[in-house]
Amino acid sequence: MAPSAVNPLERNVVLNPAHPDFDEVRPGAIRPFIFDRRLAAE
């Protein structure tokens, strides 16, 4: 896992869809997200 550059409360993960346990992956709780417009490309 790696920290998210966009949301400090989140972590980024890489998932392998070919892994035999891939179907066991479940999302966590959904939280509100406010996009920081400073990150938008102009």
PDB file of N, CA and C in Angstrom:
ATOM      1  N   MET A   1       0.843  -1.177   0.000  1.00  0.00           N
ATOM      2  CA  MET A   1       0.000   0.000   0.000  1.00  0.00           C
ATOM      3  C   MET A   1       0.883   1.233   0.000  1.00  0.00           C
ATOM      4  N   ALA A   2       0.367   2.272  -0.640  1.00  0.00           N
ATOM      5  CA  ALA A   2       1.081   3.538  -0.701  1.00  0.00           C
ATOM      6  C   ALA A   2       0.112   4.667  -0.360  1.00  0.00           C
ATOM      7  N   PRO A   3       0.581   5.706   0.323  1.00  0.00           N
ATOM      8  CA  PRO A   3      -0.316   6.817   0.641  1.00  0.00           C
ATOM      9  C   PRO A   3      -0.807   7.515  -0.635  1.00  0.00           C
ATOM     10  N   SER A   4      -2.015   8.010  -0.575  1.00  0.00           N
ATOM     11  CA  SER A   4      -2.593   8.744  -1.704  1.00  0.00           C
ATOM     12  C   SER A   4      -2.081  10.174  -1.701  1.00  0.00           C
ATOM     13  N   ALA A   5      -1.731  10.697  -2.861  1.00  0.00           N
ATOM     14  CA  ALA A   5      -1.324  12.100  -2.971  1.00  0.00           C
ATOM     15  C   ALA A   5      -2.547  13.011  -2.993  1.00  0.00           C
ATOM     16  N   VAL A   6      -3.708  12.466  -3.304  1.00  0.00           N
ATOM     17  CA  VAL A   6      -4.932  13.264  -3.407  1.00  0.00           C
ATOM     18  C   VAL A   6      -5.673  13.329  -2.081  1.00  0.00           C
ATOM     19  N   ASN A   7      -5.779  12.204  -1.406  1.00  0.00           N
ATOM     20  CA  ASN A   7      -6.534  12.140  -0.157  1.00  0.00           C
ATOM     21  C   ASN A   7      -5.666  11.480   0.905  1.00  0.00           C
ATOM     22  N   PRO A   8      -5.189  12.244   1.892  1.00  0.00           N
ATOM     23  CA  PRO A   8      -4.288  11.685   2.903  1.00  0.00           C
ATOM     24  C   PRO A   8      -4.907  10.596   3.780  1.00  0.00           C
ATOM     25  N   LEU A   9      -6.230  10.466   3.759  1.00  0.00           N
ATOM     26  CA  LEU A   9      -6.888   9.428   4.555  1.00  0.00           C
ATOM     27  C   LEU A   9      -6.963   8.095   3.819  1.00  0.00           C
ATOM     28  N   GLU A  10      -6.570   8.080   2.561  1.00  0.00           N
ATOM     29  CA  GLU A  10      -6.682   6.885   1.727  1.00  0.00           C
ATOM     30  C   GLU A  10      -5.319   6.279   1.432  1.00  0.00           C
ATOM     31  N   ARG A  11      -5.343   5.017   0.991  1.00  0.00           N
ATOM     32  CA  ARG A  11      -4.147   4.308   0.548  1.00  0.00           C
ATOM     33  C   ARG A  11      -4.416   3.752  -0.835  1.00  0.00           C
ATOM     34  N   ASN A  12      -3.397   3.707  -1.660  1.00  0.00           N
ATOM     35  CA  ASN A  12      -3.498   3.119  -2.991  1.00  0.00           C
ATOM     36  C   ASN A  12      -2.938   1.707  -2.947  1.00  0.00           C
ATOM     37  N   VAL A  13      -3.603   0.817  -3.642  1.00  0.00           N
ATOM     38  CA  VAL A  13      -3.132  -0.562  -3.738  1.00  0.00           C
ATOM     39  C   VAL A  13      -3.167  -1.001  -5.197  1.00  0.00           C
ATOM     40  N   VAL A  14      -2.350  -1.967  -5.523  1.00  0.00           N
ATOM     41  CA  VAL A  14      -2.363  -2.561  -6.856  1.00  0.00           C
ATOM     42  C   VAL A  14      -2.973  -3.955  -6.723  1.00  0.00           C
ATOM     43  N   LEU A  15      -4.013  -4.218  -7.497  1.00  0.00           N
ATOM     44  CA  LEU A  15      -4.689  -5.510  -7.442  1.00  0.00           C
ATOM     45  C   LEU A  15      -4.422  -6.291  -8.721  1.00  0.00           C
ATOM     46  N   ASN A  16      -4.206  -7.574  -8.552  1.00  0.00           N
ATOM     47  CA  ASN A  16      -3.975  -8.460  -9.681  1.00  0.00           C
ATOM     48  C   ASN A  16      -5.274  -9.222  -9.959  1.00  0.00           C
ATOM     49  N   PRO A  17      -5.994  -8.861 -11.034  1.00  0.00           N
ATOM     50  CA  PRO A  17      -7.255  -9.548 -11.320  1.00  0.00           C
ATOM     51  C   PRO A  17      -7.079 -11.023 -11.683  1.00  0.00           C
ATOM     52  N   ALA A  18      -5.857 -11.445 -11.973  1.00  0.00           N
ATOM     53  CA  ALA A  18      -5.611 -12.853 -12.291  1.00  0.00           C
ATOM     54  C   ALA A  18      -5.373 -13.686 -11.024  1.00  0.00           C
ATOM     55  N   HIS A  19      -5.259 -13.052  -9.871  1.00  0.00           N
ATOM     56  CA  HIS A  19      -5.015 -13.794  -8.624  1.00  0.00           C
ATOM     57  C   HIS A  19      -6.262 -14.605  -8.275  1.00  0.00           C
ATOM     58  N   PRO A  20      -6.081 -15.838  -7.800  1.00  0.00           N
ATOM     59  CA  PRO A  20      -7.245 -16.692  -7.502  1.00  0.00           C
ATOM     60  C   PRO A  20      -8.176 -16.114  -6.429  1.00  0.00           C
ATOM     61  N   ASP A  21      -7.677 -15.261  -5.552  1.00  0.00           N
ATOM     62  CA  ASP A  21      -8.510 -14.678  -4.491  1.00  0.00           C
ATOM     63  C   ASP A  21      -9.076 -13.307  -4.868  1.00  0.00           C
ATOM     64  N   PHE A  22      -8.911 -12.893  -6.116  1.00  0.00           N
ATOM     65  CA  PHE A  22      -9.360 -11.564  -6.517  1.00  0.00           C
ATOM     66  C   PHE A  22     -10.846 -11.353  -6.226  1.00  0.00           C
ATOM     67  N   ASP A  23     -11.663 -12.372  -6.402  1.00  0.00           N
ATOM     68  CA  ASP A  23     -13.105 -12.242  -6.170  1.00  0.00           C
ATOM     69  C   ASP A  23     -13.455 -12.003  -4.705  1.00  0.00           C
ATOM     70  N   GLU A  24     -12.488 -12.183  -3.829  1.00  0.00           N
ATOM     71  CA  GLU A  24     -12.717 -11.959  -2.402  1.00  0.00           C
ATOM     72  C   GLU A  24     -12.510 -10.502  -2.000  1.00  0.00           C
ATOM     73  N   VAL A  25     -11.961  -9.684  -2.883  1.00  0.00           N
ATOM     74  CA  VAL A  25     -11.689  -8.275  -2.575  1.00  0.00           C
ATOM     75  C   VAL A  25     -13.012  -7.532  -2.448  1.00  0.00           C
ATOM     76  N   ARG A  26     -13.157  -6.761  -1.389  1.00  0.00           N
ATOM     77  CA  ARG A  26     -14.361  -5.975  -1.144  1.00  0.00           C
ATOM     78  C   ARG A  26     -13.950  -4.532  -0.847  1.00  0.00           C
ATOM     79  N   PRO A  27     -14.727  -3.570  -1.342  1.00  0.00           N
ATOM     80  CA  PRO A  27     -14.413  -2.171  -1.033  1.00  0.00           C
ATOM     81  C   PRO A  27     -14.698  -1.858   0.429  1.00  0.00           C
ATOM     82  N   GLY A  28     -14.024  -0.862   0.925  1.00  0.00           N
ATOM     83  CA  GLY A  28     -14.266  -0.415   2.292  1.00  0.00           C
ATOM     84  C   GLY A  28     -15.428   0.571   2.325  1.00  0.00           C
ATOM     85  N   ALA A  29     -15.534   1.273   3.431  1.00  0.00           N
ATOM     86  CA  ALA A  29     -16.599   2.260   3.593  1.00  0.00           C
ATOM     87  C   ALA A  29     -16.423   3.392   2.580  1.00  0.00           C
ATOM     88  N   ILE A  30     -17.529   3.865   2.060  1.00  0.00           N
ATOM     89  CA  ILE A  30     -17.505   4.984   1.130  1.00  0.00           C
ATOM     90  C   ILE A  30     -17.610   6.269   1.942  1.00  0.00           C
ATOM     91  N   ARG A  31     -16.669   7.178   1.691  1.00  0.00           N
ATOM     92  CA  ARG A  31     -16.647   8.458   2.402  1.00  0.00           C
ATOM     93  C   ARG A  31     -16.825   9.590   1.402  1.00  0.00           C
ATOM     94  N   PRO A  32     -17.380  10.713   1.857  1.00  0.00           N
ATOM     95  CA  PRO A  32     -17.495  11.868   0.963  1.00  0.00           C
ATOM     96  C   PRO A  32     -16.099  12.317   0.514  1.00  0.00           C
ATOM     97  N   PHE A  33     -16.029  12.815  -0.715  1.00  0.00           N
ATOM     98  CA  PHE A  33     -14.758  13.270  -1.254  1.00  0.00           C
ATOM     99  C   PHE A  33     -14.929  14.654  -1.849  1.00  0.00           C
ATOM    100  N   ILE A  34     -14.074  15.584  -1.460  1.00  0.00           N
ATOM    101  CA  ILE A  34     -14.055  16.921  -2.035  1.00  0.00           C
ATOM    102  C   ILE A  34     -12.761  17.072  -2.805  1.00  0.00           C
ATOM    103  N   PHE A  35     -12.874  17.264  -4.111  1.00  0.00           N
ATOM    104  CA  PHE A  35     -11.699  17.379  -4.947  1.00  0.00           C
ATOM    105  C   PHE A  35     -11.001  18.713  -4.717  1.00  0.00           C
ATOM    106  N   ASP A  36      -9.695  18.677  -4.521  1.00  0.00           N
ATOM    107  CA  ASP A  36      -8.885  19.874  -4.367  1.00  0.00           C
ATOM    108  C   ASP A  36      -8.574  20.409  -5.763  1.00  0.00           C
ATOM    109  N   ARG A  37      -9.209  21.507  -6.143  1.00  0.00           N
ATOM    110  CA  ARG A  37      -9.072  22.042  -7.500  1.00  0.00           C
ATOM    111  C   ARG A  37      -7.641  22.451  -7.834  1.00  0.00           C
ATOM    112  N   ARG A  38      -6.783  22.596  -6.832  1.00  0.00           N
ATOM    113  CA  ARG A  38      -5.379  22.927  -7.102  1.00  0.00           C
ATOM    114  C   ARG A  38      -4.676  21.790  -7.840  1.00  0.00           C
ATOM    115  N   LEU A  39      -5.243  20.586  -7.790  1.00  0.00           N
ATOM    116  CA  LEU A  39      -4.646  19.436  -8.452  1.00  0.00           C
ATOM    117  C   LEU A  39      -5.093  19.294  -9.908  1.00  0.00           C
ATOM    118  N   ALA A  40      -6.063  20.097 -10.320  1.00  0.00           N
ATOM    119  CA  ALA A  40      -6.579  20.003 -11.689  1.00  0.00           C
ATOM    120  C   ALA A  40      -5.573  20.583 -12.687  1.00  0.00           C
ATOM    121  N   ALA A  41      -5.436  19.908 -13.810  1.00  0.00           N
ATOM    122  CA  ALA A  41      -4.571  20.410 -14.882  1.00  0.00           C
ATOM    123  C   ALA A  41      -5.275  21.565 -15.589  1.00  0.00           C
ATOM    124  N   GLU A  42      -4.513  22.538 -15.949  1.00  0.00           N
ATOM    125  CA  GLU A  42      -5.094  23.682 -16.675  1.00  0.00           C
ATOM    126  C   GLU A  42      -4.621  23.715 -18.093  1.00  0.00           C
TER     127      GLU A  42
END
